[in-house]
Protein backbone atom coordinates (compact mmCIF):
# COMPACT_ATOMS: atom_id res chain seq x y z
CA MET A 1 113.18 96.35 108.55
CA PRO A 2 110.44 94.30 106.81
CA VAL A 3 109.63 95.18 103.20
CA LEU A 4 106.51 93.67 101.64
CA VAL A 5 105.89 93.66 97.89
CA PRO A 6 102.22 92.79 97.21
CA THR A 7 100.90 92.45 93.66
CA SER A 8 97.24 93.32 94.33
CA LEU A 9 95.28 95.92 96.27
CA ASP A 10 93.94 93.26 98.60
CA GLY A 11 97.52 92.28 99.24
CA VAL A 12 98.35 95.91 100.09
CA PHE A 13 95.46 96.14 102.54
CA ASP A 14 96.51 92.86 104.18
CA ALA A 15 100.11 94.06 104.42
CA LEU A 16 99.11 97.38 106.00
CA ALA A 17 96.88 95.55 108.48
CA SER A 18 99.68 93.16 109.45
CA LEU A 19 102.28 95.93 109.85
CA PRO A 20 100.73 98.86 111.78
CA GLY A 21 102.68 102.03 111.06
CA ALA A 22 104.16 100.69 107.81
CA GLU A 23 104.85 103.31 105.15
CA MET A 24 104.03 102.95 101.46
CA ILE A 25 106.46 103.57 98.63
CA ALA A 26 105.82 103.72 94.89
CA GLY A 27 108.61 105.33 92.85
CA GLY A 28 110.43 106.45 96.00
CA THR A 29 111.70 109.68 94.43
CA ASP A 30 110.63 111.78 97.42
CA PHE A 31 110.58 109.05 100.06
CA MET A 32 114.21 107.97 99.61
CA VAL A 33 115.51 111.54 99.74
CA GLU A 34 114.05 111.86 103.23
CA VAL A 35 115.46 108.47 104.24
CA ASN A 36 118.93 109.37 102.92
CA TYR A 37 118.91 112.65 104.87
CA ALA A 38 117.68 110.89 108.04
CA ARG A 39 114.42 112.83 108.03
CA ARG A 40 112.42 109.61 107.92
CA ARG A 41 113.03 106.26 109.61
CA PRO A 42 110.32 103.81 108.50
CA ARG A 43 109.69 100.78 110.68
CA ALA A 44 108.32 98.81 107.74
CA ILE A 45 107.68 99.42 104.03
CA VAL A 46 104.92 98.26 101.71
CA SER A 47 105.94 98.64 98.07
CA LEU A 48 103.19 99.56 95.59
CA ARG A 49 105.35 99.11 92.51
CA GLY A 50 103.94 95.73 91.49
CA VAL A 51 100.25 96.34 92.28
CA ARG A 52 98.38 95.65 89.04
CA GLU A 53 95.27 97.72 89.90
CA LEU A 54 97.40 100.87 90.16
CA LYS A 55 98.86 100.58 86.67
CA GLY A 56 97.75 102.06 83.34
CA TRP A 57 94.82 104.25 82.37
CA ARG A 58 91.46 103.99 80.63
CA ARG A 59 88.62 106.02 79.16
CA GLU A 60 85.23 106.00 80.87
CA GLY A 61 82.77 108.09 78.88
CA GLY A 62 84.01 111.67 78.95
CA ASP A 63 86.58 110.96 81.67
CA VAL A 64 90.13 109.67 81.77
CA VAL A 65 90.91 107.39 84.70
CA LEU A 66 94.60 107.30 85.63
CA GLY A 67 96.06 104.61 87.84
CA ALA A 68 97.94 106.03 90.82
CA GLY A 69 101.01 104.07 89.74
CA LEU A 70 101.22 105.88 86.39
CA SER A 71 104.68 107.40 85.95
CA TYR A 72 105.50 110.90 84.73
CA ALA A 73 107.05 109.37 81.62
CA GLU A 74 103.76 107.60 80.85
CA LEU A 75 101.87 110.87 81.30
CA MET A 76 104.04 112.37 78.56
CA ARG A 77 103.06 109.78 75.93
CA PRO A 78 101.20 111.16 72.87
CA GLU A 79 97.89 109.44 73.58
CA LEU A 80 97.65 111.07 77.04
CA SER A 81 99.15 114.37 75.88
CA VAL A 82 96.13 114.81 73.61
CA LEU A 83 93.61 114.07 76.35
CA LEU A 84 95.40 115.83 79.23
CA PRO A 85 97.82 118.36 77.72
CA GLY A 86 98.28 120.37 80.93
CA LEU A 87 99.21 117.28 82.93
CA SER A 88 101.62 116.19 80.21
CA GLN A 89 103.27 119.62 80.25
CA ALA A 90 103.69 119.42 84.02
CA ALA A 91 105.16 115.90 83.82
CA ARG A 92 107.85 117.15 81.42
CA THR A 93 109.13 119.59 84.04
CA VAL A 94 109.70 116.92 86.68
CA GLY A 95 113.30 116.02 87.47
CA SER A 96 115.49 113.96 85.17
CA PRO A 97 114.49 111.11 82.81
CA GLN A 98 115.29 108.66 85.63
CA ILE A 99 112.96 110.49 88.02
CA ARG A 100 110.21 110.70 85.40
CA ASN A 101 110.45 106.96 84.82
CA ALA A 102 110.26 106.14 88.52
CA GLY A 103 108.04 108.83 90.05
CA THR A 104 104.26 108.36 90.01
CA LEU A 105 101.16 110.51 89.96
CA GLY A 106 99.85 108.88 93.13
CA GLY A 107 103.17 109.51 94.82
CA ASN A 108 103.02 113.20 93.94
CA LEU A 109 99.57 113.37 95.54
CA GLY A 110 100.54 111.31 98.56
CA THR A 111 103.64 113.42 99.26
CA ALA A 112 101.31 116.45 99.33
CA SER A 113 104.06 118.99 98.73
CA PRO A 114 102.78 122.44 97.72
CA ALA A 115 105.54 122.39 95.08
CA GLY A 116 104.27 119.17 93.45
CA ASP A 117 104.23 119.90 89.73
CA THR A 118 101.19 117.85 88.74
CA LEU A 119 99.03 119.11 91.58
CA PRO A 120 98.01 122.55 90.19
CA VAL A 121 96.88 120.86 86.97
CA LEU A 122 94.86 118.28 88.88
CA SER A 123 93.28 121.09 90.91
CA ALA A 124 92.47 123.20 87.84
CA LEU A 125 90.84 120.17 86.19
CA ASP A 126 88.79 119.46 89.34
CA ALA A 127 90.28 115.98 89.56
CA LYS A 128 88.65 113.36 91.73
CA VAL A 129 91.09 111.27 93.75
CA VAL A 130 89.80 107.77 94.54
CA ILE A 131 91.01 106.44 97.90
CA GLY A 132 90.81 102.70 98.59
CA ARG A 133 90.73 100.85 101.88
CA SER A 134 89.75 97.37 102.95
CA GLY A 135 86.01 97.13 102.36
CA GLY A 136 85.38 100.38 100.49
CA ARG A 137 86.42 103.50 98.62
CA ARG A 138 85.92 107.23 98.90
CA GLU A 139 86.40 110.10 96.45
CA LEU A 140 88.06 113.43 97.28
CA SER A 141 89.10 116.61 95.50
CA VAL A 142 92.74 117.72 95.64
CA ALA A 143 91.75 120.43 98.14
CA GLN A 144 90.10 117.85 100.40
CA LEU A 145 93.03 115.42 100.17
CA ILE A 146 95.89 117.83 100.87
CA VAL A 147 95.40 119.63 104.19
CA GLY A 148 98.84 121.19 104.74
CA PRO A 149 102.47 121.17 103.62
CA LYS A 150 103.27 117.48 103.05
CA ARG A 151 100.12 116.53 104.96
CA SER A 152 97.17 114.63 103.57
CA CYS A 153 93.96 113.35 105.11
CA LEU A 154 94.82 109.73 104.25
CA GLN A 155 93.94 107.47 107.14
CA GLU A 156 95.74 104.37 108.33
CA GLY A 157 95.28 101.58 105.80
CA GLU A 158 94.18 103.85 102.92
CA VAL A 159 95.78 103.94 99.47
CA ILE A 160 95.41 106.35 96.54
CA VAL A 161 94.02 104.10 93.81
CA GLU A 162 93.17 106.28 90.80
CA ILE A 163 92.52 109.80 89.60
CA ARG A 164 89.53 110.79 87.45
CA LEU A 165 89.79 113.76 85.06
CA PRO A 166 87.71 115.18 82.21
CA ALA A 167 89.19 114.23 78.84
CA GLY A 168 90.34 117.04 76.55
CA LEU A 169 88.73 119.83 78.57
CA GLY A 170 89.23 123.20 76.87
CA SER A 171 92.67 124.75 76.50
CA GLN A 172 95.30 123.91 79.10
CA GLU A 173 98.67 125.41 80.03
CA PHE A 174 101.23 124.79 82.78
CA LEU A 175 104.15 127.09 83.57
CA LYS A 176 106.85 126.80 86.20
CA VAL A 177 109.59 129.07 87.56
CA GLY A 178 112.64 127.64 89.33
CA THR A 179 116.14 128.61 90.30
CA ARG A 180 117.44 126.97 87.11
CA ASN A 181 115.99 125.56 83.88
CA ALA A 182 115.91 121.84 84.66
CA MET A 183 115.63 119.34 87.54
CA VAL A 184 114.40 121.96 89.96
CA ILE A 185 111.77 122.36 92.67
CA ALA A 186 109.32 125.09 91.69
CA VAL A 187 109.63 128.56 93.13
CA ALA A 188 106.14 129.07 91.71
CA ASN A 189 103.98 127.31 89.15
CA ALA A 190 100.55 127.81 87.65
CA ALA A 191 98.03 125.75 85.73
CA LEU A 192 95.33 127.34 83.60
CA VAL A 193 92.28 125.69 82.03
CA VAL A 194 89.94 127.66 79.77
CA ASP A 195 86.70 125.79 79.13
CA TRP A 196 85.35 127.19 75.84
CA VAL A 197 82.11 125.22 76.05
CA GLY A 198 81.31 125.99 79.69
CA ARG A 199 82.81 129.49 79.33
CA SER A 200 84.80 129.25 82.53
CA VAL A 201 88.42 129.79 83.57
CA ARG A 202 90.29 127.81 86.20
CA CYS A 203 93.66 128.82 87.60
CA ALA A 204 95.58 126.88 90.26
CA LEU A 205 98.88 127.86 91.86
CA GLY A 206 101.65 125.78 93.39
CA SER A 207 104.61 126.56 95.67
CA VAL A 208 103.06 129.89 96.75
CA GLY A 209 101.13 128.69 99.79
CA PRO A 210 100.86 125.80 102.26
CA VAL A 211 98.66 123.90 99.80
CA ILE A 212 97.67 124.20 96.15
CA LEU A 213 95.63 127.40 95.77
CA ARG A 214 92.84 128.33 93.37
CA ALA A 215 92.87 131.98 92.25
CA SER A 216 89.07 132.27 92.42
CA ALA A 217 88.81 136.04 91.95
CA ALA A 218 91.15 135.86 88.94
CA GLU A 219 89.09 133.01 87.49
CA GLU A 220 85.86 134.98 87.80
CA PHE A 221 87.41 138.12 86.34
CA ALA A 222 88.85 136.31 83.32
CA ALA A 223 85.55 134.60 82.59
CA THR A 224 83.82 137.99 82.33
CA ALA A 225 86.74 139.67 80.53
CA ILE A 226 86.94 137.14 77.68
CA ASP A 227 84.84 137.71 74.57
CA TRP A 228 83.95 134.06 74.14
CA ASP A 229 82.77 134.44 70.55
CA GLU A 230 85.83 136.38 69.39
CA ARG A 231 88.17 134.40 71.66
CA ARG A 232 90.01 137.41 73.02
CA LEU A 233 90.10 139.72 76.04
CA ARG A 234 87.82 142.71 75.60
CA GLY A 235 90.24 145.00 77.44
CA GLY A 236 93.43 143.58 75.98
CA GLU A 237 96.57 144.49 77.94
CA ARG A 238 94.54 146.09 80.75
CA ASP A 239 92.67 142.84 81.36
CA LEU A 240 95.88 140.80 81.31
CA GLU A 241 97.39 143.02 83.98
CA GLN A 242 94.25 142.85 86.13
CA PHE A 243 94.19 139.06 85.83
CA SER A 244 97.86 138.89 86.83
CA ALA A 245 97.26 141.22 89.80
CA LEU A 246 94.39 139.06 91.08
CA VAL A 247 96.57 135.96 90.81
CA ARG A 248 99.27 137.68 92.86
CA GLU A 249 96.68 138.54 95.50
CA ALA A 250 95.65 134.88 95.72
CA ALA A 251 99.19 133.74 96.57
CA ARG A 252 100.18 133.15 100.21
CA PRO A 253 103.91 132.48 99.97
CA ILE A 254 106.76 132.44 102.47
CA ASP A 255 110.42 133.41 102.35
CA ASP A 256 112.78 130.44 102.26
CA HIS A 257 116.16 129.39 100.87
CA ARG A 258 114.77 129.17 97.32
CA SER A 259 112.93 132.49 97.06
CA THR A 260 111.42 135.47 98.78
CA ALA A 261 107.67 135.67 99.23
CA ARG A 262 107.61 138.85 97.14
CA TYR A 263 109.27 137.17 94.18
CA ARG A 264 106.97 134.14 94.45
CA CYS A 265 103.93 136.42 94.16
CA HIS A 266 105.44 138.13 91.14
CA ALA A 267 106.36 134.81 89.48
CA ALA A 268 102.88 133.36 90.02
CA GLY A 269 101.32 136.39 88.35
CA VAL A 270 103.70 136.21 85.40
CA CYS A 271 103.12 132.47 84.92
CA ALA A 272 99.34 132.85 84.99
CA ARG A 273 99.40 135.84 82.64
CA ARG A 274 101.61 134.05 80.12
CA ALA A 275 99.40 130.98 80.31
CA LEU A 276 96.32 133.07 79.50
CA GLU A 277 98.15 134.84 76.66
CA ARG A 278 99.20 131.50 75.16
CA VAL A 279 95.72 130.01 75.42
CA LEU A 280 94.11 133.01 73.73
CA ALA A 281 96.78 133.18 71.01
CA LYS A 282 96.37 129.49 70.18
CA ARG A 283 92.59 129.72 70.20
CA ALA A 284 92.65 132.80 67.95
CA GLY A 285 94.90 130.88 65.57
CA ASP A 286 92.50 127.95 65.53
CA ARG A 287 89.63 130.31 64.73
CA ALA A 288 91.59 131.94 61.91
CA GLU A 289 92.08 128.54 60.31
CA GLU A 290 88.32 128.00 60.41
CA VAL A 291 87.65 131.17 58.39
CA PRO A 292 88.51 130.88 54.66
CA TRP A 293 90.49 133.69 53.05
CA GLU A 294 88.43 136.02 50.87
CA SER A 295 89.76 136.97 47.44
């Protein structure tokens, strides 16, 4: 089986053109599991590990541009944790240290699993995924890229090049439920972004449907329920429960060996509720620090 290891994007495009049907591998943390269990038998492999254009990250105005080859461990570094706290939180939940050092953001997108931990955060941040091919590029949302369980709209010869995200947008939280505390595939996960400037709420769910889902009705409800000046829910506990109920309604889970559909719905609602509680508690604390004590 031929294995090509290009060091540039042009080299990747040439390799894919010369080996029709070749499969791409970055960290290999998902790919090799399928190979080891005989679920995948690649005819040829193009490694993306050494491609310089896929490495690192940069600031462009108000955006952060992440190379598709960025590892989970790199996403956890302090400089990115400040700019993309939700994505950093999600990266911490992925596998073991070895997996976090090898696995990549582009690989998580390309695998297109509904349980991918970074994907709800990317969806909630309205990430733009830049796809490269010989002679051009195109830009897609997460919803446009991922069309089904482990199915993307990537065409022959296309490569995920980079991901564009707003830097330091609002308050961000990511929560995950699994069958154990570490190194686990999510039974359900949720990402929440509260934009205090734009006065909007975004909530994305993973592992509770065939693709990453946005809880649109819950988002709209929370945006009207929050007192944006006081940084709290007007209806308190009642609003939290309504938000959680709307998140549960947005879920479209299945029963499988890891969980029942009923429990997945419940877990998604709990994760989203706790995320909103944490965001509001932190924001209220920030506001309290802004107000001097009166004697």
